[in-house]
Amino acid sequence: MEPKDKDIMRSLFAGIPDEVLPFGFNEKAMLKIRKEVKIREKKRRYLDFSGYVAGVVAMLAVCAFTLYSMGISFDFPKIEPHTWSFPKPDFNIFRSQSFALSAYIGILALFLLIIDSVIRCHIEKTRRK
């Protein structure tokens, strides 16, 4: 604001009489502000958590769809309680090219999630200051 504008504002507000605030007004106002801040923090935390859960569910769905579309299926061992024998696991799937691609994509997604988390923490710390 320029000095002329300040003088105009002073002259406008000079005509308004000062009012005395009721006892405890500041404390009541601060209490309301603190309640609003708590409510906003809860909403933000809920939305952040919901976002993380939605991201994890989406990644699992994409992984399941990818495995299904590639024709990869997993046979889980059948447990027979009376003999407690387990079939020998087949580890040939870990040598396939599709597994290598899926592992690469999974590691890349994990790396990106970690970077996102670090950036969010940094932004949150700078926002608090």
N, C-alpha and C. Protein backbone atom coordinates (compact mmCIF):
# COMPACT_ATOMS: atom_id res chain seq x y z
N MET A 1 0.83 -1.19 0.00
CA MET A 1 0.00 0.00 0.00
C MET A 1 0.88 1.26 0.00
N GLU A 2 0.42 2.22 -0.67
CA GLU A 2 1.13 3.49 -0.71
C GLU A 2 0.75 4.31 0.52
N PRO A 3 1.59 5.26 0.90
CA PRO A 3 1.28 6.07 2.10
C PRO A 3 -0.06 6.78 2.02
N LYS A 4 -0.46 7.21 0.82
CA LYS A 4 -1.75 7.89 0.69
C LYS A 4 -2.90 6.94 1.02
N ASP A 5 -2.76 5.67 0.57
CA ASP A 5 -3.80 4.69 0.85
C ASP A 5 -3.90 4.40 2.34
N LYS A 6 -2.76 4.38 3.03
CA LYS A 6 -2.77 4.15 4.47
C LYS A 6 -3.51 5.26 5.19
N ASP A 7 -3.28 6.48 4.78
CA ASP A 7 -3.96 7.61 5.42
C ASP A 7 -5.46 7.54 5.17
N ILE A 8 -5.86 7.15 3.98
CA ILE A 8 -7.29 7.03 3.68
C ILE A 8 -7.91 5.96 4.56
N MET A 9 -7.23 4.83 4.70
CA MET A 9 -7.75 3.74 5.53
C MET A 9 -7.85 4.19 7.00
N ARG A 10 -6.82 4.89 7.46
CA ARG A 10 -6.86 5.37 8.85
C ARG A 10 -8.04 6.32 9.07
N SER A 11 -8.25 7.18 8.12
CA SER A 11 -9.34 8.14 8.28
C SER A 11 -10.70 7.43 8.24
N LEU A 12 -10.82 6.38 7.42
CA LEU A 12 -12.08 5.65 7.38
C LEU A 12 -12.35 4.90 8.68
N PHE A 13 -11.30 4.24 9.21
CA PHE A 13 -11.49 3.46 10.44
C PHE A 13 -11.49 4.32 11.70
N ALA A 14 -11.05 5.54 11.59
CA ALA A 14 -11.03 6.42 12.76
C ALA A 14 -12.44 6.76 13.23
N GLY A 15 -13.38 6.76 12.32
CA GLY A 15 -14.75 7.10 12.68
C GLY A 15 -15.50 5.97 13.37
N ILE A 16 -14.98 4.76 13.33
CA ILE A 16 -15.65 3.62 13.94
C ILE A 16 -15.26 3.58 15.42
N PRO A 17 -16.24 3.53 16.32
CA PRO A 17 -15.90 3.48 17.74
C PRO A 17 -15.33 2.10 18.12
N ASP A 18 -14.38 2.12 19.07
CA ASP A 18 -13.80 0.86 19.56
C ASP A 18 -14.82 0.14 20.42
N GLU A 19 -14.92 -1.17 20.21
CA GLU A 19 -15.84 -1.97 21.01
C GLU A 19 -15.05 -2.82 21.97
N VAL A 20 -15.60 -3.01 23.12
CA VAL A 20 -14.96 -3.85 24.12
C VAL A 20 -15.44 -5.28 23.90
N LEU A 21 -14.48 -6.20 23.78
CA LEU A 21 -14.82 -7.60 23.58
C LEU A 21 -15.26 -8.23 24.89
N PRO A 22 -16.19 -9.16 24.85
CA PRO A 22 -16.62 -9.82 26.08
C PRO A 22 -15.48 -10.62 26.71
N PHE A 23 -15.59 -10.85 28.01
CA PHE A 23 -14.57 -11.59 28.74
C PHE A 23 -14.46 -13.01 28.17
N GLY A 24 -13.25 -13.46 27.93
CA GLY A 24 -13.01 -14.81 27.44
C GLY A 24 -13.19 -14.98 25.95
N PHE A 25 -13.34 -13.87 25.22
CA PHE A 25 -13.55 -13.97 23.77
C PHE A 25 -12.36 -14.60 23.08
N ASN A 26 -11.17 -14.16 23.44
CA ASN A 26 -9.96 -14.70 22.80
C ASN A 26 -9.82 -16.19 23.04
N GLU A 27 -10.07 -16.64 24.27
CA GLU A 27 -9.95 -18.06 24.58
C GLU A 27 -10.96 -18.89 23.81
N LYS A 28 -12.20 -18.36 23.71
CA LYS A 28 -13.23 -19.08 22.96
C LYS A 28 -12.89 -19.15 21.48
N ALA A 29 -12.40 -18.05 20.93
CA ALA A 29 -12.03 -18.04 19.52
C ALA A 29 -10.88 -19.02 19.26
N MET A 30 -9.89 -19.02 20.14
CA MET A 30 -8.75 -19.93 19.96
C MET A 30 -9.20 -21.39 20.10
N LEU A 31 -10.12 -21.65 20.98
CA LEU A 31 -10.64 -23.02 21.15
C LEU A 31 -11.35 -23.48 19.87
N LYS A 32 -12.14 -22.61 19.27
CA LYS A 32 -12.81 -22.95 18.02
C LYS A 32 -11.80 -23.19 16.90
N ILE A 33 -10.79 -22.36 16.85
CA ILE A 33 -9.75 -22.54 15.83
C ILE A 33 -9.03 -23.87 16.02
N ARG A 34 -8.70 -24.22 17.25
CA ARG A 34 -8.03 -25.49 17.51
C ARG A 34 -8.91 -26.68 17.11
N LYS A 35 -10.21 -26.59 17.39
CA LYS A 35 -11.13 -27.67 16.98
C LYS A 35 -11.15 -27.81 15.47
N GLU A 36 -11.20 -26.68 14.76
CA GLU A 36 -11.20 -26.72 13.30
C GLU A 36 -9.90 -27.34 12.77
N VAL A 37 -8.78 -27.00 13.39
CA VAL A 37 -7.50 -27.56 12.95
C VAL A 37 -7.48 -29.07 13.17
N LYS A 38 -7.99 -29.53 14.30
CA LYS A 38 -8.03 -30.97 14.57
C LYS A 38 -8.90 -31.70 13.54
N ILE A 39 -10.04 -31.11 13.22
CA ILE A 39 -10.94 -31.73 12.24
C ILE A 39 -10.26 -31.80 10.87
N ARG A 40 -9.58 -30.73 10.47
CA ARG A 40 -8.90 -30.73 9.18
C ARG A 40 -7.75 -31.74 9.15
N GLU A 41 -7.02 -31.86 10.26
CA GLU A 41 -5.93 -32.84 10.34
C GLU A 41 -6.47 -34.26 10.22
N LYS A 42 -7.60 -34.53 10.88
CA LYS A 42 -8.20 -35.86 10.78
C LYS A 42 -8.61 -36.17 9.35
N LYS A 43 -9.23 -35.20 8.68
CA LYS A 43 -9.64 -35.39 7.30
C LYS A 43 -8.42 -35.64 6.41
N ARG A 44 -7.36 -34.87 6.61
CA ARG A 44 -6.16 -35.02 5.80
C ARG A 44 -5.53 -36.38 6.01
N ARG A 45 -5.43 -36.81 7.27
CA ARG A 45 -4.86 -38.14 7.56
C ARG A 45 -5.72 -39.24 6.95
N TYR A 46 -7.03 -39.10 7.04
CA TYR A 46 -7.94 -40.09 6.46
C TYR A 46 -7.78 -40.17 4.95
N LEU A 47 -7.70 -39.01 4.30
CA LEU A 47 -7.53 -38.99 2.86
C LEU A 47 -6.17 -39.54 2.44
N ASP A 48 -5.12 -39.23 3.21
CA ASP A 48 -3.80 -39.79 2.90
C ASP A 48 -3.82 -41.30 3.02
N PHE A 49 -4.40 -41.81 4.11
CA PHE A 49 -4.46 -43.26 4.31
C PHE A 49 -5.30 -43.91 3.23
N SER A 50 -6.43 -43.30 2.90
CA SER A 50 -7.28 -43.84 1.84
C SER A 50 -6.55 -43.87 0.51
N GLY A 51 -5.76 -42.85 0.24
CA GLY A 51 -4.98 -42.81 -0.98
C GLY A 51 -3.95 -43.92 -1.05
N TYR A 52 -3.27 -44.16 0.08
CA TYR A 52 -2.29 -45.25 0.11
C TYR A 52 -2.97 -46.60 -0.09
N VAL A 53 -4.10 -46.81 0.58
CA VAL A 53 -4.81 -48.09 0.44
C VAL A 53 -5.29 -48.26 -1.00
N ALA A 54 -5.84 -47.21 -1.59
CA ALA A 54 -6.30 -47.29 -2.97
C ALA A 54 -5.14 -47.58 -3.92
N GLY A 55 -3.99 -46.99 -3.66
CA GLY A 55 -2.82 -47.25 -4.49
C GLY A 55 -2.35 -48.69 -4.40
N VAL A 56 -2.33 -49.23 -3.19
CA VAL A 56 -1.90 -50.62 -3.00
C VAL A 56 -2.89 -51.57 -3.67
N VAL A 57 -4.18 -51.31 -3.48
CA VAL A 57 -5.20 -52.17 -4.10
C VAL A 57 -5.10 -52.09 -5.63
N ALA A 58 -4.88 -50.91 -6.16
CA ALA A 58 -4.75 -50.76 -7.60
C ALA A 58 -3.52 -51.51 -8.12
N MET A 59 -2.41 -51.43 -7.41
CA MET A 59 -1.20 -52.15 -7.84
C MET A 59 -1.42 -53.65 -7.79
N LEU A 60 -2.07 -54.14 -6.75
CA LEU A 60 -2.34 -55.57 -6.66
C LEU A 60 -3.27 -56.02 -7.79
N ALA A 61 -4.25 -55.18 -8.11
CA ALA A 61 -5.16 -55.52 -9.20
C ALA A 61 -4.42 -55.56 -10.54
N VAL A 62 -3.53 -54.61 -10.76
CA VAL A 62 -2.76 -54.60 -12.00
C VAL A 62 -1.85 -55.82 -12.06
N CYS A 63 -1.22 -56.17 -10.94
CA CYS A 63 -0.37 -57.37 -10.92
C CYS A 63 -1.19 -58.63 -11.21
N ALA A 64 -2.35 -58.74 -10.57
CA ALA A 64 -3.19 -59.92 -10.79
C ALA A 64 -3.65 -59.99 -12.24
N PHE A 65 -4.04 -58.86 -12.81
CA PHE A 65 -4.47 -58.83 -14.20
C PHE A 65 -3.33 -59.20 -15.14
N THR A 66 -2.12 -58.69 -14.83
CA THR A 66 -0.96 -59.01 -15.66
C THR A 66 -0.66 -60.50 -15.61
N LEU A 67 -0.65 -61.06 -14.43
CA LEU A 67 -0.39 -62.49 -14.30
C LEU A 67 -1.47 -63.32 -15.00
N TYR A 68 -2.71 -62.89 -14.87
CA TYR A 68 -3.81 -63.62 -15.51
C TYR A 68 -3.70 -63.53 -17.04
N SER A 69 -3.39 -62.35 -17.54
CA SER A 69 -3.31 -62.18 -18.99
C SER A 69 -2.10 -62.90 -19.58
N MET A 70 -1.05 -63.10 -18.80
CA MET A 70 0.12 -63.82 -19.28
C MET A 70 -0.04 -65.33 -19.14
N GLY A 71 -1.10 -65.75 -18.50
CA GLY A 71 -1.36 -67.17 -18.35
C GLY A 71 -0.57 -67.82 -17.24
N ILE A 72 -0.05 -67.02 -16.31
CA ILE A 72 0.73 -67.58 -15.20
C ILE A 72 -0.22 -67.92 -14.06
N SER A 73 -0.12 -69.12 -13.57
CA SER A 73 -0.95 -69.52 -12.42
C SER A 73 -0.04 -70.14 -11.37
N PHE A 74 -0.45 -70.04 -10.17
CA PHE A 74 0.33 -70.58 -9.06
C PHE A 74 -0.44 -71.75 -8.45
N ASP A 75 0.23 -72.85 -8.29
CA ASP A 75 -0.37 -74.00 -7.62
C ASP A 75 0.15 -74.02 -6.19
N PHE A 76 -0.74 -73.80 -5.27
CA PHE A 76 -0.35 -73.81 -3.88
C PHE A 76 -0.27 -75.25 -3.39
N PRO A 77 0.67 -75.55 -2.49
CA PRO A 77 0.79 -76.94 -2.02
C PRO A 77 -0.43 -77.36 -1.23
N LYS A 78 -0.82 -78.59 -1.42
CA LYS A 78 -1.96 -79.12 -0.68
C LYS A 78 -1.44 -79.77 0.59
N ILE A 79 -2.00 -79.36 1.67
CA ILE A 79 -1.58 -79.89 2.96
C ILE A 79 -2.51 -81.03 3.35
N GLU A 80 -1.92 -82.15 3.56
CA GLU A 80 -2.69 -83.31 4.00
C GLU A 80 -2.35 -83.56 5.47
N PRO A 81 -3.27 -83.31 6.36
CA PRO A 81 -2.95 -83.38 7.78
C PRO A 81 -2.51 -84.76 8.25
N HIS A 82 -3.00 -85.82 7.65
CA HIS A 82 -2.66 -87.14 8.17
C HIS A 82 -1.26 -87.58 7.72
N THR A 83 -0.72 -87.02 6.66
CA THR A 83 0.62 -87.42 6.22
C THR A 83 1.64 -86.28 6.34
N TRP A 84 1.19 -85.07 6.38
CA TRP A 84 2.03 -83.89 6.44
C TRP A 84 3.11 -83.92 5.36
N SER A 85 2.70 -84.27 4.18
CA SER A 85 3.65 -84.27 3.06
C SER A 85 3.37 -83.07 2.16
N PHE A 86 4.41 -82.48 1.72
CA PHE A 86 4.29 -81.32 0.84
C PHE A 86 4.90 -81.67 -0.51
N PRO A 87 4.27 -81.27 -1.60
CA PRO A 87 4.89 -81.50 -2.90
C PRO A 87 6.13 -80.61 -3.05
N LYS A 88 7.06 -81.04 -3.81
CA LYS A 88 8.28 -80.28 -4.01
C LYS A 88 7.96 -79.03 -4.85
N PRO A 89 8.35 -77.84 -4.36
CA PRO A 89 8.03 -76.62 -5.10
C PRO A 89 8.81 -76.54 -6.41
N ASP A 90 8.17 -75.92 -7.38
CA ASP A 90 8.80 -75.74 -8.69
C ASP A 90 9.24 -74.29 -8.81
N PHE A 91 10.53 -74.07 -8.86
CA PHE A 91 11.07 -72.71 -8.90
C PHE A 91 11.42 -72.24 -10.31
N ASN A 92 10.95 -72.95 -11.33
CA ASN A 92 11.27 -72.57 -12.70
C ASN A 92 10.63 -71.24 -13.10
N ILE A 93 9.58 -70.86 -12.43
CA ILE A 93 8.92 -69.60 -12.77
C ILE A 93 9.84 -68.42 -12.51
N PHE A 94 10.75 -68.54 -11.55
CA PHE A 94 11.66 -67.44 -11.23
C PHE A 94 12.72 -67.24 -12.32
N ARG A 95 12.88 -68.20 -13.19
CA ARG A 95 13.86 -68.10 -14.27
C ARG A 95 13.24 -67.57 -15.57
N SER A 96 11.94 -67.39 -15.60
CA SER A 96 11.28 -66.97 -16.84
C SER A 96 11.46 -65.47 -17.06
N GLN A 97 11.31 -65.07 -18.31
CA GLN A 97 11.47 -63.67 -18.67
C GLN A 97 10.28 -62.84 -18.16
N SER A 98 9.12 -63.43 -18.14
CA SER A 98 7.95 -62.69 -17.65
C SER A 98 8.07 -62.38 -16.17
N PHE A 99 8.67 -63.31 -15.40
CA PHE A 99 8.88 -63.03 -13.99
C PHE A 99 9.88 -61.89 -13.81
N ALA A 100 10.92 -61.90 -14.62
CA ALA A 100 11.92 -60.83 -14.53
C ALA A 100 11.28 -59.47 -14.83
N LEU A 101 10.42 -59.42 -15.84
CA LEU A 101 9.72 -58.18 -16.17
C LEU A 101 8.79 -57.75 -15.03
N SER A 102 8.06 -58.71 -14.50
CA SER A 102 7.15 -58.39 -13.39
C SER A 102 7.92 -57.93 -12.17
N ALA A 103 9.05 -58.58 -11.88
CA ALA A 103 9.87 -58.17 -10.74
C ALA A 103 10.43 -56.77 -10.96
N TYR A 104 10.85 -56.47 -12.17
CA TYR A 104 11.36 -55.14 -12.49
C TYR A 104 10.29 -54.08 -12.27
N ILE A 105 9.10 -54.35 -12.76
CA ILE A 105 8.00 -53.39 -12.59
C ILE A 105 7.65 -53.24 -11.11
N GLY A 106 7.63 -54.34 -10.37
CA GLY A 106 7.33 -54.26 -8.94
C GLY A 106 8.37 -53.48 -8.17
N ILE A 107 9.65 -53.72 -8.47
CA ILE A 107 10.72 -52.99 -7.79
C ILE A 107 10.67 -51.52 -8.15
N LEU A 108 10.38 -51.21 -9.39
CA LEU A 108 10.24 -49.82 -9.82
C LEU A 108 9.09 -49.14 -9.09
N ALA A 109 7.95 -49.81 -8.97
CA ALA A 109 6.80 -49.24 -8.26
C ALA A 109 7.13 -49.02 -6.79
N LEU A 110 7.82 -49.98 -6.17
CA LEU A 110 8.22 -49.83 -4.77
C LEU A 110 9.16 -48.64 -4.61
N PHE A 111 10.11 -48.51 -5.51
CA PHE A 111 11.04 -47.39 -5.48
C PHE A 111 10.29 -46.06 -5.60
N LEU A 112 9.32 -45.99 -6.51
CA LEU A 112 8.55 -44.76 -6.69
C LEU A 112 7.69 -44.45 -5.46
N LEU A 113 7.14 -45.48 -4.82
CA LEU A 113 6.37 -45.27 -3.59
C LEU A 113 7.25 -44.72 -2.48
N ILE A 114 8.47 -45.25 -2.37
CA ILE A 114 9.39 -44.76 -1.33
C ILE A 114 9.75 -43.30 -1.60
N ILE A 115 10.04 -42.97 -2.86
CA ILE A 115 10.35 -41.58 -3.20
C ILE A 115 9.16 -40.68 -2.89
N ASP A 116 7.95 -41.11 -3.21
CA ASP A 116 6.75 -40.33 -2.93
C ASP A 116 6.59 -40.10 -1.42
N SER A 117 6.85 -41.14 -0.65
CA SER A 117 6.72 -41.01 0.80
C SER A 117 7.74 -40.03 1.36
N VAL A 118 8.97 -40.09 0.87
CA VAL A 118 10.02 -39.17 1.33
C VAL A 118 9.66 -37.74 0.97
N ILE A 119 9.18 -37.54 -0.25
CA ILE A 119 8.81 -36.19 -0.67
C ILE A 119 7.64 -35.66 0.16
N ARG A 120 6.64 -36.52 0.42
CA ARG A 120 5.51 -36.07 1.25
C ARG A 120 5.95 -35.70 2.66
N CYS A 121 6.85 -36.50 3.24
CA CYS A 121 7.36 -36.18 4.59
C CYS A 121 8.11 -34.85 4.57
N HIS A 122 8.91 -34.63 3.54
CA HIS A 122 9.65 -33.37 3.44
C HIS A 122 8.70 -32.18 3.30
N ILE A 123 7.69 -32.33 2.46
CA ILE A 123 6.72 -31.24 2.29
C ILE A 123 5.97 -30.98 3.59
N GLU A 124 5.63 -32.04 4.30
CA GLU A 124 4.90 -31.88 5.57
C GLU A 124 5.77 -31.15 6.60
N LYS A 125 7.06 -31.47 6.65
CA LYS A 125 7.96 -30.81 7.59
C LYS A 125 8.11 -29.34 7.24
N THR A 126 8.24 -29.03 5.96
CA THR A 126 8.39 -27.63 5.58
C THR A 126 7.08 -26.86 5.77
N ARG A 127 5.95 -27.53 5.67
CA ARG A 127 4.67 -26.88 5.87
C ARG A 127 4.44 -26.52 7.34
N ARG A 128 5.00 -27.32 8.24
CA ARG A 128 4.82 -27.07 9.68
C ARG A 128 5.64 -25.90 10.17
N LYS A 129 6.73 -25.59 9.51
CA LYS A 129 7.62 -24.51 9.98
C LYS A 129 7.04 -23.16 9.75
